Each structure stands twice: as structure tokens, then as C-alpha cells.
Amino acid sequence: MLRLLLLPVLLFALAACGPVDRNGVRLDTYENDATEQLVRALLRSLPDPNPGVPKSHSIALGEIVPKRDFTPASVPFLRRFDDLKLRMISAVVLTTTPPDQAIIDPEQRVAAYVLQIRHMRQTGPGVWEYEAGWSYKQHFQRRQWTVREKDDQFTAEPGPVLDGNWQEGA
């Protein structure tokens, strides 16, 4: 009987932990000043395969398992980018459209960039290593990034491309 009573407590404790990355780091800890700078650098470096066409932007944290699981960035974290005047929407509302299953903003009916902060780890005082990527329609790219803090200023530096089908200069 005691085990039966402990089961709800254990389930609640497990749920309170929240989603984690492959190293057990809670994904909500990704929403920090270093990651904000990384996202800003990603947004500045996005290619534009369809110039002049409206686009939406969304952020997912950790792994994305197609048709199953992902962790959207919180709305307060998305609000940090209001000054950019981009349409930032929660990944929760994204949907796909036939025939190629492109990810779209259902309200605007336009393709959405999905930024993925796949992995974050602090490698030293004021230094973080990331795996981060983007996708837009059938294009995508993932690369390593380093974010450094010095005197309360953050800089994001792109590293090598890890995966993707986007050709630089295309």
C-alpha cells in the first residue's frame, strides 16, 4: 500500500524536473543571456531563400523528434526579441502543409524558420559551446557556436557546419 501512495509523489517529482538534453541539463536553463545572444546571431545570419516573402520565426530547445516531441522556448524568452520587429511565435502552434510538409505559421499561413538550440554546455567561466541550427521549408543547417561573455557583453562566434543541405552563397 505504501508503494501505491509513493507512486503519485514520484510521478510529480519526475514531471517537475522538466525536459532535459542528452547530458541531463534542464532545457529551461537554456533560456539565458548567452542563448539570447546566440539566437540574435542566428537570426542575423539566416539566409533568405524566398526574398520579399513574409516569414515567421520560432525556437525549439533540445532535440526535435519529428511527429513526436520537442520543447518550445517559453513566451517570455521569445519576448526578448520583440525589439527585432520579427514575428516570433511559439513552436507549439506550428503546423505543416502539403505537399512537402513545410512548417508554417498557421495564423499567417506562411513558412516559418525554426531555430533549434540543440545542445548547450558551459566550458569555462563566461564561455558556452552550442549546437544550434535552423530550418526553413526544405532547407536546414546545424553548426557549432561559441558564446563568450566579457564585461557583461556577449558575443556569438560561428563554428564549423555539422549538418545541413544549405549551400553558403546559394
N, C-alpha and C. Protein backbone atom coordinates (compact mmCIF):
# COMPACT_ATOMS: atom_id res chain seq x y z
N MET A 1 0.82 -1.19 0.00
CA MET A 1 0.00 0.00 0.00
C MET A 1 0.88 1.27 0.00
N LEU A 2 1.97 1.23 0.75
CA LEU A 2 2.86 2.38 0.81
C LEU A 2 3.44 2.71 -0.56
N ARG A 3 3.81 1.66 -1.32
CA ARG A 3 4.33 1.88 -2.67
C ARG A 3 3.31 2.56 -3.55
N LEU A 4 2.06 2.19 -3.42
CA LEU A 4 1.00 2.79 -4.21
C LEU A 4 0.84 4.27 -3.88
N LEU A 5 1.03 4.63 -2.63
CA LEU A 5 0.94 6.03 -2.22
C LEU A 5 2.15 6.83 -2.69
N LEU A 6 3.31 6.20 -2.80
CA LEU A 6 4.51 6.89 -3.24
C LEU A 6 4.53 7.14 -4.74
N LEU A 7 3.81 6.34 -5.50
CA LEU A 7 3.81 6.45 -6.95
C LEU A 7 3.40 7.85 -7.43
N PRO A 8 2.29 8.44 -6.96
CA PRO A 8 1.96 9.80 -7.40
C PRO A 8 3.02 10.84 -7.04
N VAL A 9 3.64 10.68 -5.87
CA VAL A 9 4.68 11.62 -5.45
C VAL A 9 5.88 11.52 -6.39
N LEU A 10 6.27 10.31 -6.73
CA LEU A 10 7.40 10.11 -7.64
C LEU A 10 7.08 10.63 -9.04
N LEU A 11 5.87 10.40 -9.52
CA LEU A 11 5.48 10.90 -10.83
C LEU A 11 5.48 12.43 -10.85
N PHE A 12 5.00 13.04 -9.78
CA PHE A 12 5.00 14.51 -9.70
C PHE A 12 6.43 15.04 -9.68
N ALA A 13 7.30 14.40 -8.93
CA ALA A 13 8.70 14.83 -8.86
C ALA A 13 9.38 14.69 -10.21
N LEU A 14 9.09 13.63 -10.92
CA LEU A 14 9.67 13.44 -12.24
C LEU A 14 9.18 14.50 -13.21
N ALA A 15 7.89 14.80 -13.16
CA ALA A 15 7.33 15.82 -14.05
C ALA A 15 7.89 17.20 -13.72
N ALA A 16 8.19 17.47 -12.47
CA ALA A 16 8.73 18.76 -12.06
C ALA A 16 10.13 18.99 -12.58
N CYS A 17 10.83 17.91 -12.88
CA CYS A 17 12.20 18.04 -13.40
C CYS A 17 12.20 18.71 -14.77
N GLY A 18 11.20 18.49 -15.55
CA GLY A 18 11.11 19.09 -16.88
C GLY A 18 12.02 18.39 -17.86
N PRO A 19 11.90 18.76 -19.14
CA PRO A 19 12.71 18.12 -20.16
C PRO A 19 14.19 18.46 -20.00
N VAL A 20 15.03 17.51 -20.41
CA VAL A 20 16.48 17.67 -20.31
C VAL A 20 17.12 17.34 -21.65
N ASP A 21 18.37 17.81 -21.84
CA ASP A 21 19.10 17.48 -23.06
C ASP A 21 19.80 16.14 -22.87
N ARG A 22 20.61 15.75 -23.85
CA ARG A 22 21.25 14.43 -23.82
C ARG A 22 22.25 14.28 -22.67
N ASN A 23 22.65 15.38 -22.05
CA ASN A 23 23.57 15.33 -20.91
C ASN A 23 22.86 15.55 -19.58
N GLY A 24 21.53 15.60 -19.62
CA GLY A 24 20.76 15.78 -18.39
C GLY A 24 20.60 17.23 -17.96
N VAL A 25 20.98 18.19 -18.79
CA VAL A 25 20.82 19.60 -18.46
C VAL A 25 19.37 20.01 -18.75
N ARG A 26 18.74 20.63 -17.78
CA ARG A 26 17.35 21.07 -17.97
C ARG A 26 17.28 22.09 -19.10
N LEU A 27 16.31 21.90 -20.00
CA LEU A 27 16.19 22.78 -21.16
C LEU A 27 15.77 24.19 -20.77
N ASP A 28 15.05 24.36 -19.66
CA ASP A 28 14.69 25.72 -19.28
C ASP A 28 15.90 26.55 -18.87
N THR A 29 17.03 25.90 -18.55
CA THR A 29 18.25 26.67 -18.24
C THR A 29 18.88 27.23 -19.52
N TYR A 30 18.45 26.75 -20.68
CA TYR A 30 18.94 27.29 -21.95
C TYR A 30 18.49 28.74 -22.14
N GLU A 31 17.41 29.12 -21.51
CA GLU A 31 16.84 30.46 -21.71
C GLU A 31 17.58 31.47 -20.84
N ASN A 32 18.78 31.84 -21.31
CA ASN A 32 19.64 32.75 -20.55
C ASN A 32 20.21 33.81 -21.50
N ASP A 33 21.02 34.70 -20.97
CA ASP A 33 21.58 35.80 -21.78
C ASP A 33 22.50 35.30 -22.89
N ALA A 34 23.26 34.23 -22.62
CA ALA A 34 24.16 33.68 -23.64
C ALA A 34 23.35 33.12 -24.81
N THR A 35 22.29 32.40 -24.51
CA THR A 35 21.46 31.84 -25.57
C THR A 35 20.74 32.95 -26.33
N GLU A 36 20.33 34.00 -25.63
CA GLU A 36 19.72 35.13 -26.33
C GLU A 36 20.68 35.69 -27.38
N GLN A 37 21.94 35.86 -27.00
CA GLN A 37 22.92 36.38 -27.97
C GLN A 37 23.11 35.41 -29.12
N LEU A 38 23.12 34.12 -28.84
CA LEU A 38 23.23 33.11 -29.90
C LEU A 38 22.05 33.22 -30.86
N VAL A 39 20.84 33.32 -30.34
CA VAL A 39 19.65 33.42 -31.19
C VAL A 39 19.73 34.69 -32.04
N ARG A 40 20.16 35.78 -31.46
CA ARG A 40 20.29 37.02 -32.24
C ARG A 40 21.31 36.83 -33.38
N ALA A 41 22.41 36.14 -33.11
CA ALA A 41 23.40 35.87 -34.16
C ALA A 41 22.82 34.95 -35.23
N LEU A 42 22.08 33.94 -34.81
CA LEU A 42 21.42 33.05 -35.77
C LEU A 42 20.45 33.84 -36.66
N LEU A 43 19.65 34.68 -36.05
CA LEU A 43 18.67 35.47 -36.82
C LEU A 43 19.37 36.37 -37.83
N ARG A 44 20.50 36.98 -37.43
CA ARG A 44 21.24 37.85 -38.36
C ARG A 44 21.85 37.06 -39.51
N SER A 45 22.18 35.80 -39.27
CA SER A 45 22.88 35.01 -40.29
C SER A 45 21.96 34.15 -41.15
N LEU A 46 20.66 34.20 -40.90
CA LEU A 46 19.74 33.35 -41.68
C LEU A 46 19.77 33.73 -43.15
N PRO A 47 19.84 32.74 -44.02
CA PRO A 47 19.72 33.03 -45.45
C PRO A 47 18.26 33.33 -45.78
N ASP A 48 18.02 33.89 -46.93
CA ASP A 48 16.64 34.18 -47.34
C ASP A 48 16.37 33.52 -48.69
N PRO A 49 15.95 32.24 -48.67
CA PRO A 49 15.68 31.55 -49.93
C PRO A 49 14.51 32.15 -50.73
N ASN A 50 13.62 32.88 -50.06
CA ASN A 50 12.46 33.49 -50.71
C ASN A 50 12.40 34.98 -50.38
N PRO A 51 13.27 35.79 -50.99
CA PRO A 51 13.29 37.22 -50.67
C PRO A 51 11.92 37.87 -50.90
N GLY A 52 11.56 38.75 -49.99
CA GLY A 52 10.33 39.51 -50.12
C GLY A 52 9.09 38.78 -49.62
N VAL A 53 9.21 37.50 -49.28
CA VAL A 53 8.06 36.73 -48.78
C VAL A 53 8.04 36.82 -47.26
N PRO A 54 6.89 37.13 -46.65
CA PRO A 54 6.82 37.20 -45.18
C PRO A 54 7.19 35.86 -44.54
N LYS A 55 7.80 35.94 -43.36
CA LYS A 55 8.23 34.74 -42.65
C LYS A 55 7.96 34.91 -41.16
N SER A 56 7.76 33.79 -40.50
CA SER A 56 7.66 33.76 -39.05
C SER A 56 8.88 33.03 -38.51
N HIS A 57 9.13 33.17 -37.22
CA HIS A 57 10.29 32.55 -36.58
C HIS A 57 9.85 31.88 -35.28
N SER A 58 10.46 30.77 -34.98
CA SER A 58 10.13 30.02 -33.78
C SER A 58 11.41 29.40 -33.23
N ILE A 59 11.40 29.06 -31.93
CA ILE A 59 12.59 28.50 -31.28
C ILE A 59 12.20 27.22 -30.55
N ALA A 60 12.96 26.15 -30.82
CA ALA A 60 12.81 24.89 -30.11
C ALA A 60 14.10 24.61 -29.34
N LEU A 61 13.95 24.02 -28.17
CA LEU A 61 15.10 23.73 -27.31
C LEU A 61 15.33 22.22 -27.24
N GLY A 62 16.58 21.81 -27.33
CA GLY A 62 16.91 20.40 -27.24
C GLY A 62 16.64 19.67 -28.54
N GLU A 63 16.43 18.37 -28.43
CA GLU A 63 16.19 17.53 -29.60
C GLU A 63 14.78 17.75 -30.14
N ILE A 64 14.65 17.58 -31.45
CA ILE A 64 13.34 17.58 -32.09
C ILE A 64 13.15 16.20 -32.67
N VAL A 65 12.15 15.50 -32.18
CA VAL A 65 11.82 14.18 -32.72
C VAL A 65 10.60 14.37 -33.61
N PRO A 66 10.76 14.26 -34.94
CA PRO A 66 9.65 14.53 -35.86
C PRO A 66 8.39 13.76 -35.51
N LYS A 67 7.26 14.48 -35.57
CA LYS A 67 5.93 13.93 -35.32
C LYS A 67 5.76 13.38 -33.92
N ARG A 68 6.66 13.79 -32.97
CA ARG A 68 6.53 13.26 -31.64
C ARG A 68 6.81 14.24 -30.53
N ASP A 69 8.00 14.82 -30.51
CA ASP A 69 8.38 15.54 -29.30
C ASP A 69 9.34 16.69 -29.60
N PHE A 70 9.13 17.80 -28.92
CA PHE A 70 10.05 18.92 -28.94
C PHE A 70 9.70 19.81 -27.75
N THR A 71 10.60 20.69 -27.40
CA THR A 71 10.35 21.62 -26.30
C THR A 71 10.42 23.03 -26.87
N PRO A 72 9.30 23.75 -26.85
CA PRO A 72 9.31 25.12 -27.37
C PRO A 72 9.96 26.06 -26.36
N ALA A 73 10.55 27.12 -26.86
CA ALA A 73 11.04 28.18 -25.97
C ALA A 73 9.81 28.84 -25.33
N SER A 74 9.98 29.34 -24.16
CA SER A 74 8.87 29.98 -23.45
C SER A 74 8.52 31.32 -24.10
N VAL A 75 7.29 31.75 -23.88
CA VAL A 75 6.86 33.05 -24.42
C VAL A 75 7.70 34.18 -23.83
N PRO A 76 8.01 34.19 -22.51
CA PRO A 76 8.89 35.26 -22.01
C PRO A 76 10.25 35.30 -22.72
N PHE A 77 10.80 34.13 -23.07
CA PHE A 77 12.07 34.12 -23.80
C PHE A 77 11.87 34.69 -25.21
N LEU A 78 10.79 34.32 -25.87
CA LEU A 78 10.51 34.86 -27.20
C LEU A 78 10.34 36.38 -27.16
N ARG A 79 9.78 36.90 -26.08
CA ARG A 79 9.57 38.35 -25.94
C ARG A 79 10.89 39.12 -25.89
N ARG A 80 11.99 38.47 -25.55
CA ARG A 80 13.29 39.14 -25.53
C ARG A 80 13.67 39.67 -26.92
N PHE A 81 13.02 39.16 -27.95
CA PHE A 81 13.36 39.52 -29.33
C PHE A 81 12.35 40.50 -29.94
N ASP A 82 11.46 41.05 -29.13
CA ASP A 82 10.46 42.00 -29.63
C ASP A 82 11.10 43.18 -30.34
N ASP A 83 12.29 43.61 -29.88
CA ASP A 83 12.94 44.77 -30.48
C ASP A 83 13.35 44.54 -31.94
N LEU A 84 13.40 43.28 -32.37
CA LEU A 84 13.82 42.97 -33.74
C LEU A 84 12.69 43.15 -34.75
N LYS A 85 11.47 43.29 -34.25
CA LYS A 85 10.30 43.50 -35.12
C LYS A 85 10.09 42.32 -36.08
N LEU A 86 10.43 41.12 -35.62
CA LEU A 86 10.17 39.90 -36.38
C LEU A 86 8.96 39.21 -35.76
N ARG A 87 8.27 38.44 -36.55
CA ARG A 87 7.15 37.67 -36.00
C ARG A 87 7.73 36.42 -35.34
N MET A 88 7.76 36.42 -34.00
CA MET A 88 8.25 35.29 -33.21
C MET A 88 7.03 34.59 -32.62
N ILE A 89 6.89 33.30 -32.93
CA ILE A 89 5.73 32.55 -32.44
C ILE A 89 6.21 31.30 -31.71
N SER A 90 5.37 30.80 -30.83
CA SER A 90 5.69 29.59 -30.09
C SER A 90 5.70 28.40 -31.05
N ALA A 91 6.65 27.50 -30.84
CA ALA A 91 6.72 26.30 -31.66
C ALA A 91 5.51 25.39 -31.44
N VAL A 92 4.77 25.62 -30.36
CA VAL A 92 3.59 24.82 -30.07
C VAL A 92 2.53 24.97 -31.17
N VAL A 93 2.43 26.14 -31.77
CA VAL A 93 1.36 26.39 -32.73
C VAL A 93 1.74 26.01 -34.17
N LEU A 94 2.99 25.70 -34.42
CA LEU A 94 3.42 25.38 -35.78
C LEU A 94 2.67 24.17 -36.32
N THR A 95 2.46 24.16 -37.61
CA THR A 95 1.83 23.04 -38.28
C THR A 95 2.54 22.81 -39.60
N THR A 96 2.13 21.81 -40.34
CA THR A 96 2.73 21.53 -41.64
C THR A 96 1.67 21.63 -42.72
N THR A 97 2.13 21.81 -43.95
CA THR A 97 1.23 21.92 -45.07
C THR A 97 1.70 21.02 -46.22
N PRO A 98 0.76 20.37 -46.90
CA PRO A 98 1.14 19.54 -48.05
C PRO A 98 1.59 20.42 -49.21
N PRO A 99 2.27 19.94 -50.19
CA PRO A 99 2.61 18.53 -50.38
C PRO A 99 3.93 18.14 -49.72
N ASP A 100 4.78 19.13 -49.40
CA ASP A 100 6.11 18.80 -48.89
C ASP A 100 6.22 18.86 -47.37
N GLN A 101 5.10 19.06 -46.68
CA GLN A 101 5.07 19.13 -45.22
C GLN A 101 5.93 20.25 -44.66
N ALA A 102 5.97 21.38 -45.36
CA ALA A 102 6.72 22.55 -44.87
C ALA A 102 6.08 23.03 -43.57
N ILE A 103 6.91 23.48 -42.65
CA ILE A 103 6.43 24.00 -41.36
C ILE A 103 5.94 25.42 -41.58
N ILE A 104 4.72 25.68 -41.10
CA ILE A 104 4.13 27.00 -41.32
C ILE A 104 3.57 27.58 -40.03
N ASP A 105 3.40 28.89 -40.07
CA ASP A 105 2.69 29.65 -39.05
C ASP A 105 1.21 29.55 -39.44
N PRO A 106 0.39 28.85 -38.67
CA PRO A 106 -1.00 28.62 -39.10
C PRO A 106 -1.85 29.88 -39.18
N GLU A 107 -1.53 30.89 -38.39
CA GLU A 107 -2.31 32.12 -38.42
C GLU A 107 -2.04 32.93 -39.68
N GLN A 108 -0.77 33.06 -40.05
CA GLN A 108 -0.39 33.84 -41.22
C GLN A 108 -0.34 33.01 -42.50
N ARG A 109 -0.30 31.68 -42.34
CA ARG A 109 -0.18 30.75 -43.48
C ARG A 109 1.09 31.02 -44.29
N VAL A 110 2.20 31.29 -43.58
CA VAL A 110 3.50 31.48 -44.22
C VAL A 110 4.51 30.51 -43.61
N ALA A 111 5.54 30.20 -44.39
CA ALA A 111 6.59 29.31 -43.89
C ALA A 111 7.29 29.95 -42.69
N ALA A 112 7.71 29.09 -41.77
CA ALA A 112 8.36 29.58 -40.56
C ALA A 112 9.78 29.03 -40.47
N TYR A 113 10.70 29.90 -40.07
CA TYR A 113 12.03 29.44 -39.69
C TYR A 113 11.90 28.80 -38.30
N VAL A 114 12.48 27.64 -38.13
CA VAL A 114 12.55 27.02 -36.81
C VAL A 114 14.02 27.04 -36.41
N LEU A 115 14.31 27.76 -35.33
CA LEU A 115 15.67 27.77 -34.78
C LEU A 115 15.72 26.71 -33.69
N GLN A 116 16.71 25.86 -33.75
CA GLN A 116 16.85 24.80 -32.76
C GLN A 116 18.13 25.00 -31.97
N ILE A 117 17.98 25.18 -30.67
CA ILE A 117 19.13 25.21 -29.77
C ILE A 117 19.23 23.78 -29.25
N ARG A 118 20.05 22.99 -29.91
CA ARG A 118 20.07 21.55 -29.69
C ARG A 118 20.85 21.15 -28.45
N HIS A 119 21.95 21.84 -28.21
CA HIS A 119 22.82 21.44 -27.11
C HIS A 119 23.57 22.67 -26.60
N MET A 120 23.67 22.78 -25.28
CA MET A 120 24.40 23.89 -24.66
C MET A 120 25.23 23.32 -23.52
N ARG A 121 26.47 23.78 -23.45
CA ARG A 121 27.27 23.40 -22.29
C ARG A 121 28.27 24.51 -22.00
N GLN A 122 28.41 24.80 -20.73
CA GLN A 122 29.37 25.81 -20.31
C GLN A 122 30.73 25.14 -20.21
N THR A 123 31.71 25.70 -20.94
CA THR A 123 33.04 25.09 -20.99
C THR A 123 34.06 25.81 -20.12
N GLY A 124 33.66 26.95 -19.58
CA GLY A 124 34.56 27.72 -18.72
C GLY A 124 33.83 28.95 -18.23
N PRO A 125 34.49 29.75 -17.42
CA PRO A 125 33.85 30.98 -16.95
C PRO A 125 33.52 31.89 -18.14
N GLY A 126 32.26 32.17 -18.33
CA GLY A 126 31.84 33.07 -19.40
C GLY A 126 31.98 32.50 -20.81
N VAL A 127 32.04 31.17 -20.95
CA VAL A 127 32.17 30.55 -22.28
C VAL A 127 31.19 29.39 -22.38
N TRP A 128 30.37 29.40 -23.45
CA TRP A 128 29.41 28.34 -23.70
C TRP A 128 29.61 27.80 -25.12
N GLU A 129 29.49 26.51 -25.26
CA GLU A 129 29.51 25.85 -26.57
C GLU A 129 28.08 25.40 -26.88
N TYR A 130 27.67 25.61 -28.11
CA TYR A 130 26.32 25.24 -28.54
C TYR A 130 26.37 24.43 -29.82
N GLU A 131 25.35 23.61 -30.02
CA GLU A 131 24.97 23.09 -31.32
C GLU A 131 23.64 23.75 -31.60
N ALA A 132 23.56 24.49 -32.68
CA ALA A 132 22.32 25.20 -33.00
C ALA A 132 22.11 25.17 -34.50
N GLY A 133 20.86 25.21 -34.88
CA GLY A 133 20.57 25.16 -36.31
C GLY A 133 19.28 25.87 -36.64
N TRP A 134 18.97 25.85 -37.91
CA TRP A 134 17.75 26.45 -38.41
C TRP A 134 17.20 25.58 -39.53
N SER A 135 15.90 25.69 -39.74
CA SER A 135 15.28 25.05 -40.90
C SER A 135 14.25 26.02 -41.46
N TYR A 136 14.09 25.97 -42.78
CA TYR A 136 13.08 26.78 -43.47
C TYR A 136 12.67 25.99 -44.70
N LYS A 137 11.40 25.62 -44.75
CA LYS A 137 10.90 24.74 -45.81
C LYS A 137 11.79 23.50 -45.85
N GLN A 138 12.41 23.23 -46.98
CA GLN A 138 13.23 22.02 -47.09
C GLN A 138 14.72 22.29 -46.84
N HIS A 139 15.07 23.53 -46.48
CA HIS A 139 16.47 23.90 -46.22
C HIS A 139 16.76 23.80 -44.72
N PHE A 140 18.00 23.43 -44.39
CA PHE A 140 18.39 23.41 -42.98
C PHE A 140 19.91 23.42 -42.86
N GLN A 141 20.36 23.83 -41.68
CA GLN A 141 21.79 23.81 -41.38
C GLN A 141 21.96 23.79 -39.86
N ARG A 142 22.93 23.02 -39.41
CA ARG A 142 23.27 22.96 -38.00
C ARG A 142 24.77 23.16 -37.89
N ARG A 143 25.19 23.97 -36.91
CA ARG A 143 26.62 24.22 -36.72
C ARG A 143 26.94 24.38 -35.25
N GLN A 144 28.23 24.39 -34.96
CA GLN A 144 28.70 24.69 -33.61
C GLN A 144 28.81 26.20 -33.47
N TRP A 145 28.57 26.67 -32.27
CA TRP A 145 28.72 28.09 -31.94
C TRP A 145 29.42 28.20 -30.60
N THR A 146 30.14 29.28 -30.41
CA THR A 146 30.72 29.62 -29.12
C THR A 146 30.21 30.99 -28.72
N VAL A 147 29.74 31.10 -27.49
CA VAL A 147 29.30 32.39 -26.95
C VAL A 147 30.22 32.72 -25.79
N ARG A 148 30.74 33.95 -25.82
CA ARG A 148 31.65 34.41 -24.77
C ARG A 148 31.07 35.66 -24.10
N GLU A 149 31.28 35.73 -22.79
CA GLU A 149 30.87 36.92 -22.04
C GLU A 149 32.12 37.62 -21.53
N LYS A 150 32.17 38.92 -21.77
CA LYS A 150 33.26 39.74 -21.24
C LYS A 150 32.66 41.08 -20.87
N ASP A 151 32.83 41.49 -19.63
CA ASP A 151 32.31 42.77 -19.14
C ASP A 151 30.81 42.91 -19.41
N ASP A 152 30.06 41.85 -19.13
CA ASP A 152 28.60 41.80 -19.31
C ASP A 152 28.15 41.95 -20.76
N GLN A 153 29.06 41.77 -21.69
CA GLN A 153 28.74 41.78 -23.13
C GLN A 153 28.93 40.37 -23.66
N PHE A 154 27.98 39.91 -24.48
CA PHE A 154 28.04 38.58 -25.05
C PHE A 154 28.32 38.66 -26.54
N THR A 155 29.20 37.78 -27.02
CA THR A 155 29.46 37.68 -28.46
C THR A 155 29.31 36.22 -28.86
N ALA A 156 28.70 36.02 -30.03
CA ALA A 156 28.50 34.67 -30.56
C ALA A 156 29.35 34.50 -31.80
N GLU A 157 30.11 33.41 -31.84
CA GLU A 157 31.01 33.13 -32.96
C GLU A 157 30.61 31.81 -33.60
N PRO A 158 30.35 31.83 -34.92
CA PRO A 158 30.00 30.57 -35.58
C PRO A 158 31.22 29.66 -35.69
N GLY A 159 30.95 28.37 -35.57
CA GLY A 159 31.99 27.35 -35.73
C GLY A 159 31.69 26.54 -36.98
N PRO A 160 32.22 25.34 -37.04
CA PRO A 160 32.04 24.52 -38.23
C PRO A 160 30.59 24.07 -38.42
N VAL A 161 30.21 23.90 -39.69
CA VAL A 161 28.90 23.35 -40.03
C VAL A 161 28.95 21.86 -39.73
N LEU A 162 27.92 21.37 -39.04
CA LEU A 162 27.84 19.96 -38.66
C LEU A 162 26.96 19.15 -39.59
N ASP A 163 25.94 19.79 -40.13
CA ASP A 163 24.97 19.07 -40.94
C ASP A 163 24.13 20.08 -41.71
N GLY A 164 23.54 19.65 -42.80
CA GLY A 164 22.62 20.53 -43.50
C GLY A 164 22.69 20.40 -45.00
N ASN A 165 21.71 20.99 -45.66
CA ASN A 165 21.68 20.97 -47.12
C ASN A 165 21.78 22.38 -47.71
N TRP A 166 21.89 23.39 -46.86
CA TRP A 166 22.02 24.76 -47.36
C TRP A 166 23.45 25.01 -47.79
N GLN A 167 23.62 25.49 -48.98
CA GLN A 167 24.94 25.81 -49.50
C GLN A 167 25.17 27.32 -49.32
N GLU A 168 26.21 27.66 -48.58
CA GLU A 168 26.56 29.06 -48.37
C GLU A 168 26.69 29.75 -49.72
N GLY A 169 26.12 30.94 -49.83
CA GLY A 169 26.19 31.69 -51.08
C GLY A 169 25.20 31.22 -52.12
N ALA A 170 24.30 30.29 -51.73
CA ALA A 170 23.31 29.78 -52.70
C ALA A 170 22.23 30.80 -52.96
